[in-house]
Protein backbone atom coordinates (compact mmCIF):
# COMPACT_ATOMS: atom_id res chain seq x y z
CA ARG A 1 -51.37 56.34 19.04
CA GLN A 2 -47.48 55.49 18.95
CA MET A 3 -47.50 52.93 21.74
CA CYS A 4 -50.85 51.66 19.80
CA ILE A 5 -49.11 51.02 16.63
CA ARG A 6 -45.60 49.96 18.28
CA ASP A 7 -47.76 47.41 20.21
CA SER A 8 -49.71 46.24 17.07
CA ALA A 9 -46.35 46.01 14.64
CA LEU A 10 -44.57 44.27 17.59
CA SER A 11 -47.40 41.34 18.02
CA TYR A 12 -47.25 41.27 13.98
CA LEU A 13 -43.60 40.80 14.14
CA GLU A 14 -43.28 38.17 16.26
CA LEU A 15 -45.85 36.32 14.79
CA VAL A 16 -43.49 36.42 11.58
CA LYS A 17 -40.41 36.06 13.16
CA GLU A 18 -41.68 32.89 14.69
CA GLY A 19 -42.52 31.53 11.57
CA ARG A 20 -46.45 31.49 12.51
CA GLU A 21 -48.39 33.66 10.32
CA ASP A 22 -50.03 31.04 8.25
CA ASP A 23 -52.70 33.18 6.71
CA PRO A 24 -53.42 36.52 4.73
CA ILE A 25 -55.84 39.15 6.16
CA ASP A 26 -58.23 38.42 3.27
CA LEU A 27 -59.27 34.95 3.84
CA HIS A 28 -62.74 33.85 5.24
CA ALA A 29 -63.11 33.34 8.81
CA ASP A 30 -64.33 29.50 8.15
CA TYR A 31 -60.39 29.05 7.35
CA LEU A 32 -58.62 31.01 9.79
CA GLY A 33 -56.12 29.95 11.80
CA PHE A 34 -54.91 30.24 15.54
CA ASN A 35 -53.07 33.35 15.22
CA ALA A 36 -56.17 34.93 13.00
CA TYR A 37 -56.64 37.92 15.78
CA VAL A 38 -53.16 39.55 14.84
CA SER A 39 -53.85 39.28 11.41
CA GLN A 40 -56.96 40.50 11.22
CA TYR A 41 -56.35 43.47 13.65
CA SER A 42 -52.91 43.91 14.88
CA LYS A 43 -51.62 43.79 11.37
CA MET A 44 -54.68 45.62 9.36
CA ALA A 45 -54.29 48.24 11.78
CA ASP A 46 -50.74 48.64 10.62
CA VAL A 47 -51.72 48.22 6.94
CA ILE A 48 -53.91 51.17 7.32
CA TYR A 49 -51.05 53.47 9.00
CA MET A 50 -48.99 52.37 5.76
CA LEU A 51 -51.47 53.50 3.83
CA GLN A 52 -51.34 56.93 5.39
CA TYR A 53 -47.35 56.79 4.73
CA VAL A 54 -48.37 55.73 1.03
CA ILE A 55 -50.72 58.76 -0.02
CA GLY A 56 -50.19 61.37 2.55
CA ASP A 57 -51.03 62.69 5.83
CA SER A 58 -53.59 65.21 4.47
CA LEU A 59 -55.04 63.17 1.92
CA PHE A 60 -55.49 60.19 4.29
CA ASP A 61 -57.47 62.43 6.89
CA PHE A 62 -59.77 63.37 3.99
CA ALA A 63 -59.86 59.73 2.57
CA ILE A 64 -60.48 58.57 5.96
CA LYS A 65 -63.31 61.02 6.86
CA ASN A 66 -64.72 60.61 3.39
CA TYR A 67 -65.30 56.47 3.59
CA PHE A 68 -66.87 57.03 7.13
CA LYS A 69 -68.98 59.58 5.75
CA GLU A 70 -69.75 56.74 2.81
CA TRP A 71 -70.12 53.63 4.50
CA HIS A 72 -70.93 54.35 8.56
CA PHE A 73 -74.02 52.01 9.31
CA LYS A 74 -73.06 50.04 6.59
CA HIS A 75 -71.59 46.57 6.13
CA PRO A 76 -68.73 47.48 3.20
CA TYR A 77 -66.64 44.45 1.89
CA ARG A 78 -63.08 44.54 0.88
CA GLU A 79 -63.43 45.90 -2.67
CA ASP A 80 -65.81 48.60 -1.40
CA MET A 81 -62.97 50.31 0.77
CA ILE A 82 -60.56 50.34 -1.68
CA ALA A 83 -62.51 51.46 -4.11
CA SER A 84 -63.38 54.71 -1.66
CA PHE A 85 -59.51 55.07 -1.00
CA GLU A 86 -58.85 55.11 -4.90
CA LYS A 87 -61.65 57.46 -5.61
CA THR A 88 -60.57 60.17 -2.95
CA ALA A 89 -56.82 59.58 -3.54
CA ASN A 90 -57.46 59.49 -7.38
CA ARG A 91 -54.68 57.05 -7.94
CA ASP A 92 -54.87 52.75 -7.64
CA LEU A 93 -53.92 51.55 -4.92
CA ASP A 94 -54.69 47.53 -5.76
CA TRP A 95 -50.85 47.16 -5.86
CA PHE A 96 -51.26 47.91 -1.90
CA PHE A 97 -53.86 46.33 -0.97
CA ASP A 98 -52.75 43.08 -2.78
CA GLN A 99 -49.60 42.64 -0.98
CA TRP A 100 -50.79 43.77 2.55
CA LEU A 101 -54.09 41.71 2.11
CA GLU A 102 -54.00 38.70 0.41
CA THR A 103 -50.34 37.42 0.83
CA THR A 104 -48.26 36.56 3.40
CA TRP A 105 -45.38 38.30 1.76
CA GLN A 106 -42.58 40.41 4.17
CA LEU A 107 -41.09 43.34 3.75
CA ASP A 108 -37.23 44.19 4.31
CA TYR A 109 -35.08 47.10 2.96
CA ALA A 110 -31.64 47.75 3.49
CA VAL A 111 -29.18 50.25 2.77
CA ASP A 112 -26.31 48.66 1.02
CA ASP A 113 -23.60 51.07 0.03
CA ILE A 114 -22.78 54.33 -0.04
CA GLU A 115 -19.64 56.03 -2.16
CA GLY A 116 -19.03 59.92 -3.32
CA MET A 117 -16.62 62.34 -3.67
CA TRP A 118 -16.03 65.86 -4.06
CA GLN A 119 -16.70 67.41 -7.55
CA VAL A 120 -15.63 71.02 -8.73
CA THR A 121 -18.20 72.60 -11.48
CA ASP A 122 -17.94 75.96 -12.64
CA GLY A 123 -16.23 76.97 -9.23
CA ILE A 124 -18.80 75.40 -7.33
CA LYS A 125 -17.85 72.08 -5.02
CA THR A 126 -20.28 69.74 -4.38
CA TYR A 127 -20.45 66.04 -2.97
CA HIS A 128 -21.76 63.54 -5.17
CA ALA A 129 -23.05 60.51 -3.51
CA GLU A 130 -23.89 57.09 -5.35
CA ILE A 131 -26.67 55.48 -3.09
CA THR A 132 -27.39 51.73 -2.81
CA LEU A 133 -30.23 50.33 -1.55
CA LYS A 134 -31.70 46.80 -1.68
CA ASN A 135 -35.21 45.16 -1.32
CA LEU A 136 -34.30 41.89 0.35
CA ASN A 137 -37.84 40.49 0.38
CA LYS A 138 -41.04 40.38 -1.90
CA ILE A 139 -43.15 43.49 -0.49
CA PHE A 140 -42.14 46.99 -2.51
CA MET A 141 -43.41 49.82 -1.06
CA PRO A 142 -42.71 53.67 -1.49
CA ILE A 143 -39.52 54.67 0.60
CA ASP A 144 -39.16 58.20 2.47
CA LEU A 145 -34.95 58.59 2.50
CA ASP A 146 -33.51 60.87 5.21
CA ILE A 147 -29.20 61.66 4.46
CA THR A 148 -27.84 63.53 7.49
CA LEU A 149 -24.67 65.25 6.45
CA LYS A 150 -21.38 65.91 8.32
CA ASN A 151 -22.27 69.56 9.02
CA GLY A 152 -25.84 67.82 10.74
CA ARG A 153 -27.91 69.13 7.96
CA GLN A 154 -30.57 66.48 7.07
CA VAL A 155 -32.05 66.19 3.36
CA LEU A 156 -35.06 64.58 2.77
CA TYR A 157 -36.02 62.49 -0.07
CA HIS A 158 -38.83 59.92 -1.60
CA ILE A 159 -38.72 56.94 -3.53
CA PRO A 160 -41.78 56.41 -5.24
CA VAL A 161 -42.85 52.94 -6.81
CA ASP A 162 -43.87 54.23 -10.00
CA GLY A 163 -43.65 57.21 -12.07
CA SER A 164 -47.12 59.05 -11.50
CA ALA A 165 -47.17 57.91 -7.79
CA LYS A 166 -46.60 61.57 -5.77
CA LYS A 167 -47.56 62.53 -2.37
CA GLU A 168 -47.08 65.83 -0.60
CA THR A 169 -43.94 65.22 1.47
CA GLY A 170 -42.23 68.74 1.23
CA ARG A 171 -39.19 66.10 -0.07
CA GLU A 172 -37.40 65.94 -3.00
CA VAL A 173 -38.32 62.98 -5.34
CA LEU A 174 -35.90 60.84 -6.91
CA PRO A 175 -36.52 58.48 -9.85
CA TYR A 176 -38.91 55.73 -8.95
CA TRP A 177 -37.84 52.31 -7.99
CA HIS A 178 -39.52 49.35 -10.07
CA PHE A 179 -41.01 46.82 -8.06
CA SER A 180 -39.25 44.16 -10.39
CA LYS A 181 -36.28 45.70 -9.42
CA LYS A 182 -34.18 44.02 -6.05
CA GLU A 183 -31.53 47.13 -6.08
CA TYR A 184 -31.90 50.59 -6.46
CA ASN A 185 -29.04 53.13 -7.58
CA THR A 186 -29.52 57.06 -7.05
CA THR A 187 -26.53 59.83 -7.40
CA VAL A 188 -27.31 62.64 -5.23
CA LYS A 189 -25.40 66.18 -4.96
CA LEU A 190 -25.07 67.42 -1.74
CA GLU A 191 -23.39 70.62 0.08
CA ASP A 192 -21.43 68.17 2.52
CA ALA A 193 -20.18 64.80 2.78
CA ILE A 194 -22.58 62.18 4.52
CA ASP A 195 -22.73 61.25 8.13
CA LEU A 196 -25.87 58.87 8.05
CA VAL A 197 -28.54 57.38 5.66
CA GLU A 198 -31.85 56.16 7.01
CA ILE A 199 -34.86 54.45 5.20
CA ASP A 200 -38.24 55.15 6.71
CA ALA A 201 -37.28 57.16 9.77
CA SER A 202 -40.68 57.66 10.88
CA GLN A 203 -40.85 53.89 11.35
CA ARG A 204 -43.98 53.34 9.54
CA LEU A 205 -43.32 50.54 7.32
CA MET A 206 -43.83 46.99 8.99
CA ASP A 207 -40.06 46.14 7.99
CA ILE A 208 -39.08 43.15 9.27
CA ASN A 209 -35.49 44.27 10.39
CA ARG A 210 -35.10 47.78 10.77
CA LEU A 211 -31.16 46.79 11.94
CA ASN A 212 -29.77 47.45 8.25
CA ASN A 213 -32.41 50.51 7.42
CA ARG A 214 -29.14 53.10 8.55
CA SER A 215 -25.94 52.96 6.97
CA GLY A 216 -23.08 52.69 9.55
CA LEU A 217 -20.87 49.16 10.58
CA LEU A 218 -22.96 48.89 13.24
CA PRO A 219 -26.79 49.22 13.78
CA GLU A 220 -28.24 52.06 16.07
CA MET A 221 -28.33 50.15 19.77
CA GLU A 222 -29.81 51.05 23.03
CA PHE A 223 -28.39 50.67 26.37
CA VAL A 224 -31.10 49.93 29.66
CA PHE A 225 -30.21 49.23 33.30
CA MET A 226 -32.32 46.86 34.83
CA ARG A 227 -35.20 47.24 32.61
CA PRO A 228 -38.90 46.47 33.63
CA GLN A 229 -39.98 43.37 31.53
CA SER A 230 -43.14 44.62 30.66
CA ASN A 231 -41.73 47.22 28.46
CA ALA A 232 -41.88 46.32 24.89
CA PRO A 233 -38.31 46.06 22.95
CA PRO A 234 -37.63 49.01 20.73
CA LEU A 235 -38.41 48.20 16.79
CA GLU A 236 -35.43 50.24 15.20
CA SER A 237 -32.55 49.67 17.25
CA TYR A 238 -30.72 46.88 19.04
CA LEU A 239 -31.26 46.78 22.82
CA TRP A 240 -28.82 45.92 25.38
CA GLU A 241 -30.03 44.78 29.10
CA GLY A 242 -27.65 45.12 32.37
CA TRP A 243 -28.37 43.53 35.17
CA PRO A 244 -26.17 43.67 38.44
CA LEU A 245 -25.38 39.80 39.82
CA ILE A 246 -24.47 38.19 43.34
CA PHE A 247 -24.00 34.82 44.21
CA TYR A 248 -22.17 32.99 47.08
CA ASN A 249 -20.55 30.04 47.44
CA ASP A 250 -18.12 28.04 50.11
CA LYS A 251 -15.30 28.35 48.31
CA ASP A 252 -15.34 31.47 46.44
CA LYS A 253 -17.64 33.48 49.13
CA ALA A 254 -19.20 36.18 47.38
CA LYS A 255 -19.00 36.63 43.52
CA VAL A 256 -20.01 39.89 42.02
CA GLY A 257 -20.78 40.27 38.55
CA PHE A 258 -22.55 42.04 35.61
CA LYS A 259 -24.99 40.61 33.26
CA LEU A 260 -25.35 42.26 29.84
CA GLU A 261 -28.16 40.83 27.49
CA GLY A 262 -28.81 42.08 24.08
CA SER A 263 -31.31 41.19 21.13
CA TYR A 264 -33.57 42.33 18.01
CA LEU A 265 -37.03 42.45 19.18
CA ALA A 266 -35.71 39.41 21.43
CA MET A 267 -35.90 36.85 18.77
CA ASP A 268 -32.45 38.18 16.63
CA HIS A 269 -28.85 38.20 17.33
CA LEU A 270 -29.30 36.89 20.93
CA MET A 271 -26.14 37.54 23.26
CA ASP A 272 -25.85 36.71 26.65
CA LEU A 273 -22.65 37.72 28.71
CA GLY A 274 -21.83 37.27 32.33
CA VAL A 275 -18.40 38.30 34.17
CA TRP A 276 -18.46 37.19 37.92
CA TYR A 277 -15.63 38.53 40.48
CA LYS A 278 -14.47 36.08 43.19
CA THR A 279 -13.87 37.81 46.23
CA ALA A 280 -12.35 34.83 47.72
CA THR A 281 -9.61 34.12 45.19
CA GLY A 282 -9.58 37.26 42.92
CA ASN A 283 -10.40 35.12 39.58
CA LEU A 284 -13.18 35.98 36.98
CA ASP A 285 -15.21 33.38 35.62
CA TYR A 286 -17.49 34.36 32.58
CA ASP A 287 -20.15 32.96 30.54
CA LEU A 288 -20.55 34.21 26.62
CA ASN A 289 -23.76 32.93 24.65
CA TYR A 290 -24.72 34.01 21.09
CA LYS A 291 -27.77 32.48 19.47
CA HIS A 292 -29.65 33.55 16.03
CA PRO A 293 -32.02 32.25 13.67
CA PHE A 294 -30.89 29.56 11.29
CA ASN A 295 -33.05 29.66 8.35
CA TRP A 296 -31.58 26.88 6.11
CA LEU A 297 -33.22 24.83 9.01
CA GLY A 298 -36.47 26.38 8.44
CA ASN A 299 -38.86 28.78 10.97
CA ASN A 300 -38.12 28.60 14.58
CA SER A 301 -34.66 27.52 14.06
CA TYR A 302 -31.62 28.89 15.72
CA ALA A 303 -27.66 28.42 15.31
CA GLY A 304 -25.82 29.33 18.97
CA ILE A 305 -21.98 29.13 20.09
CA ARG A 306 -20.97 29.50 23.81
CA THR A 307 -17.51 30.03 25.72
CA TYR A 308 -17.35 29.69 29.38
CA THR A 309 -14.68 29.72 32.26
CA LEU A 310 -17.42 28.85 35.01
CA ASP A 311 -17.53 27.31 38.51
CA GLY A 312 -14.24 25.15 37.96
CA VAL A 313 -15.23 24.30 34.07
CA GLN A 314 -13.83 25.64 31.05
CA GLY A 315 -15.75 24.74 27.71
CA SER A 316 -17.46 25.58 24.73
CA GLU A 317 -20.24 24.47 22.69
CA LEU A 318 -21.66 24.58 19.07
CA SER A 319 -25.71 23.90 19.00
CA LEU A 320 -28.38 23.89 16.48
CA ASP A 321 -31.97 23.91 17.15
CA LYS A 322 -35.16 23.48 15.67
CA GLN A 323 -38.59 23.70 17.14
CA ILE A 324 -42.00 22.01 15.90
CA ILE A 325 -45.13 24.26 16.88
CA LYS A 326 -48.43 23.07 15.84
CA ASN A 327 -49.98 26.46 16.23
CA ARG A 328 -52.51 25.16 18.66
CA TYR A 329 -53.43 26.64 22.15
CA ARG A 330 -51.62 24.11 24.90
CA ASP A 331 -49.97 22.33 22.47
CA PRO A 332 -46.84 21.28 23.32
CA VAL A 333 -43.82 22.64 21.68
CA TYR A 334 -40.69 19.69 20.73
CA THR A 335 -37.14 21.18 19.95
CA LEU A 336 -34.82 18.87 18.38
CA SER A 337 -31.15 19.88 19.53
CA LEU A 338 -27.87 19.05 17.79
CA ASN A 339 -24.86 19.77 20.30
CA LEU A 340 -21.21 19.58 20.29
CA ARG A 341 -19.49 20.39 23.62
CA ASN A 342 -16.17 20.17 24.65
CA TYR A 343 -15.19 20.87 28.16
CA ASN A 344 -12.75 20.53 30.99
CA ARG A 345 -12.89 20.33 34.59
CA PHE A 346 -9.71 21.61 36.62
CA ASP A 347 -11.30 21.80 39.90
CA ASN A 348 -13.43 19.57 42.03
CA GLU A 349 -14.09 21.74 44.66
CA TYR A 350 -17.71 23.21 43.03
CA ALA A 351 -19.06 19.55 42.17
CA LEU A 352 -21.84 18.25 44.24
CA SER A 353 -20.79 14.40 43.77
CA VAL A 354 -17.03 13.17 42.85
CA TRP A 355 -15.94 13.87 39.40
CA SER A 356 -12.80 13.36 37.80
CA ARG A 357 -10.49 16.00 36.30
CA GLY A 358 -10.21 16.03 32.31
CA THR A 359 -11.47 16.74 29.28
CA VAL A 360 -14.43 15.36 27.81
């Protein structure tokens, strides 16, 4: 089940990050665009999974069985489904379904800041931590917040979206986070200093950027050597992939190296580093690239930087790329590129034809 959930979430996230989610789920079939399958099936499956996150596992199990009992062999509409879940859960769920079914809004929560100090009250020493969270997008959801202390113990909290929305979680409930507020501050008393704060450790929310869901200077990272390309990238961490390299040419003889590729969901913070050792001369070549979405130019836009010393050329490059996608099957993809390049050829022996040395 976890693999199916991961695959459907990845399909939705790829659609969003490429700027191709044109239609909300609750749209008549006559008006659906090319990417309707992901919205209607993959995204909707994740919406139901998030409903379980909202109302709690045991209540969800009862509600889904009741929905089946009430509507099997019938044709329920959107309103029927919502009414069934609201009746069983005994709470209003319009705020949830309206966001996920009627809009293409996105969700992005982030751990922003943590400040704390030790205090002694009546001879008891406790650690007072002020935690600041941010909502960086439009969708609002209840939050499960996990705090790991320096002594290894975990403290679990739940932040509801309103004062009356509770679920059976076994977590301590913090003051609610009103949907109109983009920032949330809370102070908790703990037995030790904080090592890590994490939003939604269960990975049930369709958060478009999980790299900011954890505290710390660097995001969670995963290292894989020669990852099978059929394996989906992790949703919760930045992925580094390592590959061995070997080349041969008449000047250097064997060039032995290593390539390191890094990215989040193969779409954000794209890093590419190759290093080669030249066995004939003992010199090193390298090629370093970095690319990241550049939202100022709209969807499918990237800004990049490159620096290299490779086969007799030293160079650097700045680039802006904008892809134009029509969202129809087999339509061409047009790319507009603006590049600023500087390179210096210092060795002509690598060139296939006669080139002069110098800087361009």
